[in-house]
Protein backbone atom coordinates (compact mmCIF):
# COMPACT_ATOMS: atom_id res chain seq x y z
CA UNK A 1 30.07 -38.13 54.46
CA UNK A 2 28.24 -41.26 53.12
CA UNK A 3 26.22 -41.24 49.91
CA UNK A 4 23.03 -41.90 51.83
CA UNK A 5 21.33 -38.91 53.38
CA UNK A 6 20.53 -39.15 57.01
CA UNK A 7 17.10 -38.11 58.10
CA UNK A 8 18.26 -36.74 61.48
CA UNK A 9 21.47 -35.25 62.60
CA UNK A 10 22.28 -33.59 65.84
CA UNK A 11 24.15 -30.29 66.25
CA UNK A 12 27.43 -31.91 67.09
CA UNK A 13 27.42 -33.97 63.87
CA UNK A 14 26.63 -30.83 61.76
CA UNK A 15 29.41 -28.83 63.59
CA UNK A 16 31.94 -31.64 63.04
CA UNK A 17 31.16 -31.93 59.36
CA UNK A 18 31.29 -28.15 58.89
CA UNK A 19 34.72 -27.90 60.63
CA UNK A 20 36.02 -30.80 58.55
CA UNK A 21 34.93 -29.12 55.30
CA UNK A 22 36.55 -25.84 56.49
CA UNK A 23 39.91 -27.40 57.39
CA UNK A 24 39.82 -29.82 54.26
CA UNK A 25 40.35 -33.05 56.26
CA UNK A 26 38.74 -35.31 58.80
CA UNK A 27 39.45 -34.58 62.44
CA UNK A 28 41.33 -37.92 62.64
CA UNK A 29 43.75 -36.75 59.84
CA UNK A 30 42.31 -38.60 56.87
CA UNK A 31 41.63 -36.76 53.65
CA UNK A 32 38.13 -35.86 52.79
CA UNK A 33 36.37 -37.87 50.06
CA UNK A 34 36.19 -35.68 46.88
CA UNK A 35 32.94 -35.67 45.07
CA UNK A 36 32.79 -37.13 41.57
CA UNK A 37 33.13 -34.52 38.87
CA UNK A 38 29.98 -33.68 37.09
CA UNK A 39 29.43 -35.63 33.77
CA UNK A 40 29.47 -33.51 30.63
CA UNK A 41 26.19 -32.73 28.94
CA UNK A 42 26.09 -34.99 25.88
CA UNK A 43 22.61 -33.89 24.71
CA UNK A 44 22.18 -32.23 21.31
CA UNK A 45 21.96 -28.39 22.00
CA UNK A 46 19.47 -27.86 19.11
CA UNK A 47 17.12 -30.63 20.59
CA UNK A 48 17.43 -29.12 24.11
CA UNK A 49 16.43 -25.66 22.80
CA UNK A 50 13.44 -26.95 20.81
CA UNK A 51 12.27 -28.94 23.86
CA UNK A 52 12.42 -25.88 26.13
CA UNK A 53 10.47 -23.85 23.43
CA UNK A 54 7.64 -26.46 23.35
CA UNK A 55 7.62 -26.86 27.09
CA UNK A 56 7.16 -23.13 27.67
CA UNK A 57 4.19 -23.01 25.31
CA UNK A 58 2.58 -26.39 26.25
CA UNK A 59 0.80 -25.46 29.48
CA UNK A 60 -0.58 -22.17 28.24
CA UNK A 61 -1.80 -23.62 24.92
CA UNK A 62 -3.50 -26.50 26.67
CA UNK A 63 -5.23 -24.10 29.18
CA UNK A 64 -6.42 -21.93 26.37
CA UNK A 65 -8.12 -24.88 24.62
CA UNK A 66 -9.90 -26.01 27.85
CA UNK A 67 -13.18 -24.73 28.79
CA UNK A 68 -13.64 -23.08 32.19
CA UNK A 69 -15.61 -26.04 33.53
CA UNK A 70 -12.98 -28.56 32.51
CA UNK A 71 -10.14 -26.45 34.04
CA UNK A 72 -12.18 -26.34 37.22
CA UNK A 73 -12.61 -30.06 37.26
CA UNK A 74 -8.86 -30.65 36.78
CA UNK A 75 -8.02 -28.15 39.52
CA UNK A 76 -10.45 -29.88 41.93
CA UNK A 77 -8.99 -33.27 41.16
CA UNK A 78 -5.40 -31.93 41.76
CA UNK A 79 -6.38 -30.32 45.04
CA UNK A 80 -8.09 -33.59 46.19
CA UNK A 81 -4.96 -35.53 45.35
CA UNK A 82 -2.73 -33.06 47.28
CA UNK A 83 -4.85 -33.21 50.38
CA UNK A 84 -5.20 -36.99 50.20
CA UNK A 85 -1.49 -37.55 50.34
CA UNK A 86 -0.96 -35.44 53.54
């Protein structure tokens, strides 16, 4: 399968791809392309943990500081933006 995702595939293409994955090779006898192995995580584990801790508190802390009127304005703006993009 190519690296670019297709937007539309018919049933025959999906069935062929599934069959090739099951048998482990292409129907013409060629080997399947193996995906690249995932890259190791090189981030500092302490920094990752600290970041997650702050992220989990951030939205709640911000919401607690805002007034009901300001939260309402933000929500209305977000709703407008969502409906505008559709």
